Amino acid sequence: MENINISDISYPSEEEMQAAQLACCGRVCKMCETPAAYAWRKREVDMSLLLEMAIENELTEKEKSIIRDKWFNSLSYSQIALNRGISPAAVKQTSDRALKKLENVLQYVVFYQRDIINESIVPAAAGRAKVILSAKKMKPVEIGERVSKLRLENGFSLRSFSLASRIPHKRVEEIERGCVPSIEEIVCLSEFFAVTTDFLLKGENNV
């Protein structure tokens, strides 16, 4: 789910890139993305917001509950089935039905965003939105988990985040896996995501 074929995605319009430039924070220009990269990433983040709305408004209560357990609580079909006293097959059937509903709702947004009518790209786009939305629901305990949450909920792949932040790809992976970042890296991450160092180190409220 990390990758979407760029050949299936239309290049951001001039309007999108102008909006990206206007949205620039102006704080850490050395770490800025190109307007096109920002616009592509913003498409996916916006899609995650629409996915959250679709879950709330288009699914039955049973479907919502199973989707939340599967996506946000990382429970297996067997665990969900055990909790509900039903078969794993029934859980999967409900989950598949819910996912199809969500893709049907989101497909028109996907077509609009990418300026192409191609049903084959909808699952990938919805999948990326799911990754971002799931990251937003995460409740991280360790520093690496907080960095991963911030990266994913902002729509960055490992590669794009490494390029934008100037932290080597391998080092980002190490931090997310539990390696303690240096003081310089903590400061860099704090500035990049506009969060406090206390939030990164201790999980305290970002104020």
Protein backbone atom coordinates (compact mmCIF):
# COMPACT_ATOMS: atom_id res chain seq x y z
CA MET A 1 0.00 0.00 0.00
CA GLU A 2 3.03 2.31 0.26
CA ASN A 3 3.31 2.91 -3.48
CA ILE A 4 0.99 4.15 -6.21
CA ASN A 5 2.07 3.96 -9.84
CA ILE A 6 2.96 7.54 -10.77
CA SER A 7 2.07 6.82 -14.40
CA ASP A 8 -1.56 6.44 -13.29
CA ILE A 9 -1.62 9.84 -11.58
CA SER A 10 -2.04 13.12 -13.39
CA TYR A 11 0.54 15.83 -12.79
CA PRO A 12 -0.72 18.47 -10.34
CA SER A 13 -2.40 21.41 -12.01
CA GLU A 14 -1.01 24.92 -11.93
CA GLU A 15 -3.77 25.83 -9.45
CA GLU A 16 -2.75 22.99 -7.12
CA MET A 17 0.89 24.05 -7.21
CA GLN A 18 0.00 27.70 -6.56
CA ALA A 19 -2.09 26.60 -3.57
CA ALA A 20 0.90 24.59 -2.34
CA GLN A 21 3.15 27.65 -2.51
CA LEU A 22 0.59 29.75 -0.64
CA ALA A 23 0.38 27.08 2.06
CA CYS A 24 4.15 27.07 2.60
CA CYS A 25 4.96 27.66 6.26
CA GLY A 26 8.15 29.58 5.48
CA ARG A 27 9.85 28.16 8.59
CA VAL A 28 12.25 25.58 7.26
CA CYS A 29 12.79 26.30 3.59
CA LYS A 30 15.78 24.00 3.36
CA MET A 31 13.39 21.14 4.07
CA CYS A 32 10.57 22.21 1.74
CA GLU A 33 9.12 19.94 -0.91
CA THR A 34 8.52 21.07 -4.45
CA PRO A 35 5.02 22.45 -5.04
CA ALA A 36 4.21 19.37 -7.15
CA ALA A 37 5.34 16.96 -4.43
CA TYR A 38 3.27 18.86 -1.87
CA ALA A 39 0.22 18.78 -4.12
CA TRP A 40 0.52 15.02 -4.68
CA ARG A 41 0.87 14.38 -0.95
CA LYS A 42 -2.03 16.72 -0.11
CA ARG A 43 -4.28 14.72 -2.43
CA GLU A 44 -3.71 11.62 -0.32
CA VAL A 45 -4.16 13.42 3.01
CA ASP A 46 -7.40 14.98 1.75
CA MET A 47 -8.56 11.54 0.63
CA SER A 48 -8.03 10.21 4.16
CA LEU A 49 -10.38 12.89 5.52
CA LEU A 50 -13.02 11.89 2.98
CA LEU A 51 -12.50 8.23 3.86
CA GLU A 52 -13.16 9.00 7.52
CA MET A 53 -16.37 10.80 6.58
CA ALA A 54 -17.44 7.89 4.36
CA ILE A 55 -16.90 5.41 7.18
CA GLU A 56 -19.11 7.47 9.49
CA ASN A 57 -21.85 8.18 6.96
CA GLU A 58 -21.99 5.27 4.51
CA LEU A 59 -21.47 2.14 6.63
CA THR A 60 -23.81 0.28 8.95
CA GLU A 61 -22.91 0.16 12.64
CA LYS A 62 -21.71 -3.43 12.24
CA GLU A 63 -19.54 -2.50 9.27
CA LYS A 64 -18.09 0.51 11.11
CA SER A 65 -17.23 -1.59 14.13
CA ILE A 66 -15.46 -4.27 12.12
CA ILE A 67 -13.57 -1.75 9.99
CA ARG A 68 -12.39 0.08 13.11
CA ASP A 69 -11.23 -3.14 14.73
CA LYS A 70 -9.47 -4.32 11.58
CA TRP A 71 -7.88 -1.04 10.48
CA PHE A 72 -7.40 0.98 13.62
CA ASN A 73 -7.02 -1.68 16.32
CA SER A 74 -5.05 -4.09 14.09
CA LEU A 75 -7.18 -7.08 15.07
CA SER A 76 -7.24 -10.18 12.87
CA TYR A 77 -10.45 -11.61 11.44
CA SER A 78 -10.17 -14.43 13.96
CA GLN A 79 -9.85 -12.05 16.90
CA ILE A 80 -12.79 -9.96 15.72
CA ALA A 81 -14.85 -13.09 15.17
CA LEU A 82 -14.02 -14.41 18.64
CA ASN A 83 -15.03 -11.10 20.25
CA ARG A 84 -18.36 -11.15 18.44
CA GLY A 85 -19.13 -14.83 18.57
CA ILE A 86 -19.32 -15.19 14.80
CA SER A 87 -17.19 -16.92 12.17
CA PRO A 88 -14.05 -15.35 10.66
CA ALA A 89 -15.65 -15.85 7.24
CA ALA A 90 -18.60 -13.69 8.28
CA VAL A 91 -16.23 -11.00 9.54
CA LYS A 92 -14.28 -11.01 6.27
CA GLN A 93 -17.48 -10.86 4.26
CA THR A 94 -18.66 -7.81 6.21
CA SER A 95 -15.24 -6.18 5.91
CA ASP A 96 -15.10 -6.77 2.15
CA ARG A 97 -18.62 -5.39 1.73
CA ALA A 98 -17.70 -2.27 3.72
CA LEU A 99 -14.50 -1.74 1.71
CA LYS A 100 -16.43 -2.01 -1.55
CA LYS A 101 -18.91 0.60 -0.32
CA LEU A 102 -16.06 2.96 0.60
CA GLU A 103 -14.31 2.50 -2.74
CA ASN A 104 -17.58 3.19 -4.59
CA VAL A 105 -18.00 6.44 -2.67
CA LEU A 106 -14.39 7.55 -3.17
CA GLN A 107 -13.93 6.57 -6.80
CA TYR A 108 -15.31 9.83 -8.16
CA VAL A 109 -12.89 11.83 -6.04
CA VAL A 110 -10.05 9.63 -7.31
CA PHE A 111 -11.11 10.23 -10.91
CA TYR A 112 -11.29 13.98 -10.28
CA GLN A 113 -7.97 14.23 -8.45
CA ARG A 114 -6.09 12.27 -11.08
CA ASP A 115 -8.00 13.55 -14.10
CA ILE A 116 -8.48 10.00 -15.34
CA ILE A 117 -11.36 7.52 -15.25
CA ASN A 118 -9.66 4.24 -14.39
CA GLU A 119 -11.28 1.99 -11.82
CA SER A 120 -8.06 0.02 -11.34
CA ILE A 121 -6.40 2.92 -9.47
CA VAL A 122 -9.21 3.26 -6.90
CA PRO A 123 -8.09 0.44 -4.55
CA ALA A 124 -4.53 1.82 -4.44
CA ALA A 125 -5.72 5.36 -3.74
CA ALA A 126 -8.15 4.14 -1.08
CA GLY A 127 -5.37 2.01 0.39
CA ARG A 128 -3.08 5.00 0.80
CA ALA A 129 -5.93 6.94 2.43
CA LYS A 130 -6.44 4.00 4.78
CA VAL A 131 -2.73 4.05 5.78
CA ILE A 132 -2.92 7.78 6.55
CA LEU A 133 -6.21 7.50 8.45
CA SER A 134 -4.93 4.51 10.45
CA ALA A 135 -1.83 6.51 11.40
CA LYS A 136 -4.04 9.34 12.67
CA LYS A 137 -5.77 6.84 14.96
CA MET A 138 -2.50 5.46 16.33
CA LYS A 139 -1.68 5.92 20.01
CA PRO A 140 2.13 5.67 20.02
CA VAL A 141 4.12 4.86 23.12
CA GLU A 142 7.73 5.16 21.97
CA ILE A 143 9.63 7.89 20.10
CA GLY A 144 9.92 5.78 16.97
CA GLU A 145 6.19 5.14 16.95
CA ARG A 146 5.50 8.87 17.25
CA VAL A 147 7.83 9.62 14.33
CA SER A 148 6.16 6.91 12.26
CA LYS A 149 2.71 8.28 13.13
CA LEU A 150 3.68 11.83 12.16
CA ARG A 151 5.25 10.70 8.91
CA LEU A 152 2.38 8.49 7.83
CA GLU A 153 -0.48 10.77 8.87
CA ASN A 154 1.12 13.54 6.81
CA GLY A 155 1.29 11.29 3.77
CA PHE A 156 5.05 10.85 3.54
CA SER A 157 6.62 7.65 2.26
CA LEU A 158 10.01 6.81 3.77
CA ARG A 159 11.72 8.05 0.63
CA SER A 160 9.81 11.32 0.33
CA PHE A 161 10.26 12.08 4.03
CA SER A 162 13.99 11.39 3.84
CA LEU A 163 14.34 13.73 0.86
CA ALA A 164 12.30 16.50 2.48
CA SER A 165 13.85 16.29 5.96
CA ARG A 166 17.43 15.53 4.86
CA ILE A 167 17.54 12.63 7.33
CA PRO A 168 18.95 9.58 5.51
CA HIS A 169 16.40 6.93 4.55
CA LYS A 170 18.19 4.21 6.53
CA ARG A 171 18.35 6.45 9.60
CA VAL A 172 14.61 7.16 9.47
CA GLU A 173 13.97 3.42 9.40
CA GLU A 174 16.29 2.92 12.40
CA ILE A 175 14.53 5.63 14.42
CA GLU A 176 11.09 4.24 13.64
CA ARG A 177 12.25 0.77 14.68
CA GLY A 178 13.35 2.04 18.09
CA CYS A 179 16.80 3.57 17.74
CA VAL A 180 17.02 6.71 19.90
CA PRO A 181 17.49 9.82 17.72
CA SER A 182 20.28 12.27 18.41
CA ILE A 183 19.62 15.76 19.80
CA GLU A 184 20.13 17.19 16.31
CA GLU A 185 17.63 14.73 14.86
CA ILE A 186 15.09 15.50 17.60
CA VAL A 187 15.36 19.21 16.81
CA CYS A 188 15.07 18.52 13.08
CA LEU A 189 11.99 16.33 13.55
CA SER A 190 10.42 18.86 15.90
CA GLU A 191 10.87 21.68 13.39
CA PHE A 192 9.80 19.59 10.43
CA PHE A 193 6.51 18.44 11.94
CA ALA A 194 5.95 21.63 13.99
CA VAL A 195 5.67 19.68 17.25
CA THR A 196 7.43 20.17 20.58
CA THR A 197 10.47 18.14 21.54
CA ASP A 198 8.53 17.05 24.65
CA PHE A 199 5.89 15.54 22.39
CA LEU A 200 8.51 13.53 20.51
CA LEU A 201 10.39 12.45 23.64
CA LYS A 202 7.55 11.91 26.09
CA GLY A 203 4.32 12.03 24.14
CA GLU A 204 3.17 15.11 26.04
CA ASN A 205 0.58 17.36 24.46
CA ASN A 206 1.94 19.43 21.61
CA VAL A 207 1.39 23.02 22.81
